Amino acid sequence: MNTQIAVRLPDDLVAFVDDLVSRGDAASRAAVVSGALERERRAKVAEPDAVILASAGTDTDLDRLAEFAAATSMDDLD
């Protein structure tokens, strides 16, 4: 279900949205606003995980494997 709402935006943001639509980067004004709100929602949902990861410090368990893989070509594995 979709609900229509009215939103007041500054002229410069409306110009930006209209430019995206006119260049074909967005299907409509509503698509631009919906996309921006979806990104904001995903950021808010991911925020607690980012805090946990930041406080956990660096995990070096796979560093040696990554170094080996970076130094190894596919030809070396034959």
N, C-alpha and C. Protein backbone atom coordinates (compact mmCIF):
# COMPACT_ATOMS: atom_id res chain seq x y z
N MET A 1 0.83 -1.17 0.00
CA MET A 1 0.00 0.00 0.00
C MET A 1 0.88 1.25 0.00
N ASN A 2 0.52 2.24 -0.73
CA ASN A 2 1.23 3.52 -0.76
C ASN A 2 0.34 4.61 -0.21
N THR A 3 0.94 5.50 0.54
CA THR A 3 0.23 6.65 1.08
C THR A 3 0.84 7.91 0.52
N GLN A 4 0.03 8.78 0.02
CA GLN A 4 0.53 10.05 -0.51
C GLN A 4 0.66 11.04 0.63
N ILE A 5 1.81 11.72 0.68
CA ILE A 5 2.05 12.75 1.69
C ILE A 5 2.55 14.00 1.00
N ALA A 6 2.40 15.13 1.66
CA ALA A 6 2.93 16.39 1.15
C ALA A 6 4.18 16.74 1.95
N VAL A 7 5.23 17.12 1.25
CA VAL A 7 6.50 17.47 1.90
C VAL A 7 6.96 18.81 1.34
N ARG A 8 7.37 19.69 2.21
CA ARG A 8 7.93 20.97 1.77
C ARG A 8 9.45 20.86 1.79
N LEU A 9 10.06 21.21 0.66
CA LEU A 9 11.51 21.14 0.52
C LEU A 9 12.04 22.49 0.07
N PRO A 10 13.27 22.81 0.44
CA PRO A 10 13.90 24.04 -0.06
C PRO A 10 14.03 23.98 -1.59
N ASP A 11 14.00 25.14 -2.20
CA ASP A 11 14.06 25.22 -3.66
C ASP A 11 15.27 24.51 -4.25
N ASP A 12 16.42 24.60 -3.58
CA ASP A 12 17.62 23.96 -4.13
C ASP A 12 17.50 22.45 -4.14
N LEU A 13 16.83 21.86 -3.14
CA LEU A 13 16.63 20.41 -3.14
C LEU A 13 15.64 19.99 -4.22
N VAL A 14 14.60 20.79 -4.42
CA VAL A 14 13.64 20.49 -5.48
C VAL A 14 14.34 20.55 -6.84
N ALA A 15 15.19 21.53 -7.03
CA ALA A 15 15.94 21.64 -8.29
C ALA A 15 16.84 20.42 -8.48
N PHE A 16 17.47 19.97 -7.40
CA PHE A 16 18.32 18.78 -7.47
C PHE A 16 17.50 17.55 -7.86
N VAL A 17 16.36 17.37 -7.21
CA VAL A 17 15.48 16.23 -7.49
C VAL A 17 15.01 16.29 -8.94
N ASP A 18 14.57 17.46 -9.37
CA ASP A 18 14.09 17.61 -10.75
C ASP A 18 15.19 17.35 -11.76
N ASP A 19 16.41 17.73 -11.43
CA ASP A 19 17.55 17.46 -12.32
C ASP A 19 17.79 15.96 -12.44
N LEU A 20 17.71 15.24 -11.32
CA LEU A 20 17.87 13.79 -11.37
C LEU A 20 16.82 13.15 -12.27
N VAL A 21 15.61 13.61 -12.14
CA VAL A 21 14.52 13.07 -12.96
C VAL A 21 14.71 13.42 -14.43
N SER A 22 15.07 14.65 -14.71
CA SER A 22 15.21 15.07 -16.11
C SER A 22 16.37 14.38 -16.81
N ARG A 23 17.43 14.03 -16.05
CA ARG A 23 18.57 13.31 -16.64
C ARG A 23 18.30 11.82 -16.77
N GLY A 24 17.20 11.36 -16.19
CA GLY A 24 16.88 9.93 -16.25
C GLY A 24 17.52 9.13 -15.14
N ASP A 25 18.10 9.80 -14.16
CA ASP A 25 18.71 9.09 -13.03
C ASP A 25 17.68 8.62 -12.03
N ALA A 26 16.46 9.11 -12.14
CA ALA A 26 15.36 8.69 -11.28
C ALA A 26 14.08 8.73 -12.10
N ALA A 27 13.16 7.86 -11.76
CA ALA A 27 11.91 7.78 -12.51
C ALA A 27 10.96 8.92 -12.18
N SER A 28 11.05 9.42 -10.95
CA SER A 28 10.11 10.46 -10.53
C SER A 28 10.63 11.12 -9.26
N ARG A 29 9.99 12.22 -8.89
CA ARG A 29 10.32 12.86 -7.62
C ARG A 29 10.10 11.89 -6.46
N ALA A 30 8.99 11.17 -6.53
CA ALA A 30 8.68 10.21 -5.47
C ALA A 30 9.76 9.14 -5.36
N ALA A 31 10.31 8.71 -6.49
CA ALA A 31 11.36 7.69 -6.47
C ALA A 31 12.61 8.21 -5.78
N VAL A 32 12.95 9.48 -6.02
CA VAL A 32 14.12 10.07 -5.37
C VAL A 32 13.92 10.13 -3.87
N VAL A 33 12.76 10.61 -3.45
CA VAL A 33 12.48 10.73 -2.01
C VAL A 33 12.43 9.35 -1.37
N SER A 34 11.77 8.40 -2.02
CA SER A 34 11.70 7.03 -1.48
C SER A 34 13.08 6.42 -1.35
N GLY A 35 13.91 6.59 -2.37
CA GLY A 35 15.27 6.04 -2.32
C GLY A 35 16.08 6.64 -1.18
N ALA A 36 15.96 7.95 -1.01
CA ALA A 36 16.70 8.62 0.07
C ALA A 36 16.23 8.11 1.44
N LEU A 37 14.94 7.94 1.59
CA LEU A 37 14.42 7.45 2.87
C LEU A 37 14.81 6.00 3.12
N GLU A 38 14.83 5.19 2.08
CA GLU A 38 15.28 3.79 2.23
C GLU A 38 16.74 3.73 2.66
N ARG A 39 17.59 4.58 2.06
CA ARG A 39 19.00 4.61 2.46
C ARG A 39 19.14 5.05 3.91
N GLU A 40 18.36 6.03 4.31
CA GLU A 40 18.39 6.50 5.70
C GLU A 40 17.94 5.40 6.65
N ARG A 41 16.90 4.67 6.28
CA ARG A 41 16.43 3.58 7.13
C ARG A 41 17.49 2.49 7.26
N ARG A 42 18.14 2.11 6.14
CA ARG A 42 19.20 1.09 6.20
C ARG A 42 20.36 1.56 7.07
N ALA A 43 20.70 2.83 6.98
CA ALA A 43 21.79 3.37 7.80
C ALA A 43 21.44 3.28 9.29
N LYS A 44 20.22 3.62 9.62
CA LYS A 44 19.79 3.56 11.03
C LYS A 44 19.77 2.13 11.54
N VAL A 45 19.33 1.19 10.71
CA VAL A 45 19.29 -0.21 11.11
C VAL A 45 20.71 -0.75 11.30
N ALA A 46 21.65 -0.32 10.46
CA ALA A 46 23.03 -0.81 10.52
C ALA A 46 23.86 -0.13 11.60
N GLU A 47 23.39 0.99 12.11
CA GLU A 47 24.17 1.77 13.08
C GLU A 47 24.62 0.96 14.31
N PRO A 48 23.75 0.18 14.96
CA PRO A 48 24.20 -0.60 16.11
C PRO A 48 25.31 -1.60 15.76
N ASP A 49 25.20 -2.22 14.58
CA ASP A 49 26.24 -3.16 14.15
C ASP A 49 27.56 -2.45 13.92
N ALA A 50 27.51 -1.26 13.35
CA ALA A 50 28.74 -0.49 13.12
C ALA A 50 29.41 -0.13 14.44
N VAL A 51 28.62 0.20 15.44
CA VAL A 51 29.19 0.52 16.77
C VAL A 51 29.86 -0.72 17.36
N ILE A 52 29.22 -1.87 17.24
CA ILE A 52 29.79 -3.12 17.75
C ILE A 52 31.10 -3.44 17.03
N LEU A 53 31.10 -3.33 15.71
CA LEU A 53 32.32 -3.63 14.95
C LEU A 53 33.44 -2.67 15.28
N ALA A 54 33.11 -1.40 15.46
CA ALA A 54 34.13 -0.40 15.77
C ALA A 54 34.73 -0.65 17.15
N SER A 55 33.94 -1.12 18.08
CA SER A 55 34.45 -1.34 19.43
C SER A 55 35.18 -2.68 19.55
N ALA A 56 35.00 -3.57 18.58
CA ALA A 56 35.61 -4.89 18.65
C ALA A 56 37.10 -4.86 18.32
N GLY A 57 37.56 -3.83 17.68
CA GLY A 57 38.97 -3.76 17.31
C GLY A 57 39.25 -4.52 16.03
N THR A 58 40.52 -4.66 15.72
CA THR A 58 40.95 -5.31 14.49
C THR A 58 41.04 -6.81 14.69
N ASP A 59 40.45 -7.54 13.75
CA ASP A 59 40.52 -9.00 13.76
C ASP A 59 41.55 -9.41 12.72
N THR A 60 42.64 -9.99 13.17
CA THR A 60 43.74 -10.34 12.27
C THR A 60 43.76 -11.81 11.89
N ASP A 61 42.72 -12.56 12.20
CA ASP A 61 42.70 -14.00 11.95
C ASP A 61 42.98 -14.36 10.49
N LEU A 62 42.49 -13.57 9.56
CA LEU A 62 42.62 -13.92 8.15
C LEU A 62 43.71 -13.13 7.43
N ASP A 63 44.50 -12.36 8.15
CA ASP A 63 45.53 -11.53 7.51
C ASP A 63 46.54 -12.38 6.75
N ARG A 64 47.03 -13.46 7.34
CA ARG A 64 48.04 -14.29 6.66
C ARG A 64 47.46 -14.94 5.41
N LEU A 65 46.21 -15.40 5.49
CA LEU A 65 45.56 -15.99 4.32
C LEU A 65 45.41 -14.95 3.21
N ALA A 66 45.01 -13.73 3.55
CA ALA A 66 44.86 -12.68 2.56
C ALA A 66 46.20 -12.33 1.93
N GLU A 67 47.26 -12.27 2.71
CA GLU A 67 48.59 -11.99 2.17
C GLU A 67 49.03 -13.10 1.22
N PHE A 68 48.77 -14.36 1.58
CA PHE A 68 49.11 -15.48 0.72
C PHE A 68 48.34 -15.40 -0.60
N ALA A 69 47.04 -15.14 -0.50
CA ALA A 69 46.21 -15.08 -1.70
C ALA A 69 46.65 -13.94 -2.60
N ALA A 70 47.00 -12.81 -2.02
CA ALA A 70 47.43 -11.67 -2.82
C ALA A 70 48.74 -11.93 -3.53
N ALA A 71 49.59 -12.74 -2.94
CA ALA A 71 50.90 -13.03 -3.52
C ALA A 71 50.89 -14.25 -4.44
N THR A 72 49.79 -14.94 -4.54
CA THR A 72 49.70 -16.17 -5.32
C THR A 72 48.90 -15.94 -6.60
N SER A 73 49.47 -16.36 -7.73
CA SER A 73 48.72 -16.27 -8.97
C SER A 73 48.02 -17.59 -9.22
N MET A 74 47.04 -17.58 -10.07
CA MET A 74 46.32 -18.82 -10.41
C MET A 74 47.27 -19.83 -11.04
N ASP A 75 48.30 -19.39 -11.74
CA ASP A 75 49.25 -20.30 -12.37
C ASP A 75 50.03 -21.09 -11.32
N ASP A 76 50.27 -20.47 -10.15
CA ASP A 76 51.01 -21.14 -9.08
C ASP A 76 50.21 -22.29 -8.49
N LEU A 77 48.92 -22.30 -8.67
CA LEU A 77 48.06 -23.32 -8.05
C LEU A 77 47.91 -24.57 -8.91
N ASP A 78 48.39 -24.55 -10.13
CA ASP A 78 48.25 -25.74 -11.03
C ASP A 78 49.19 -26.83 -10.64
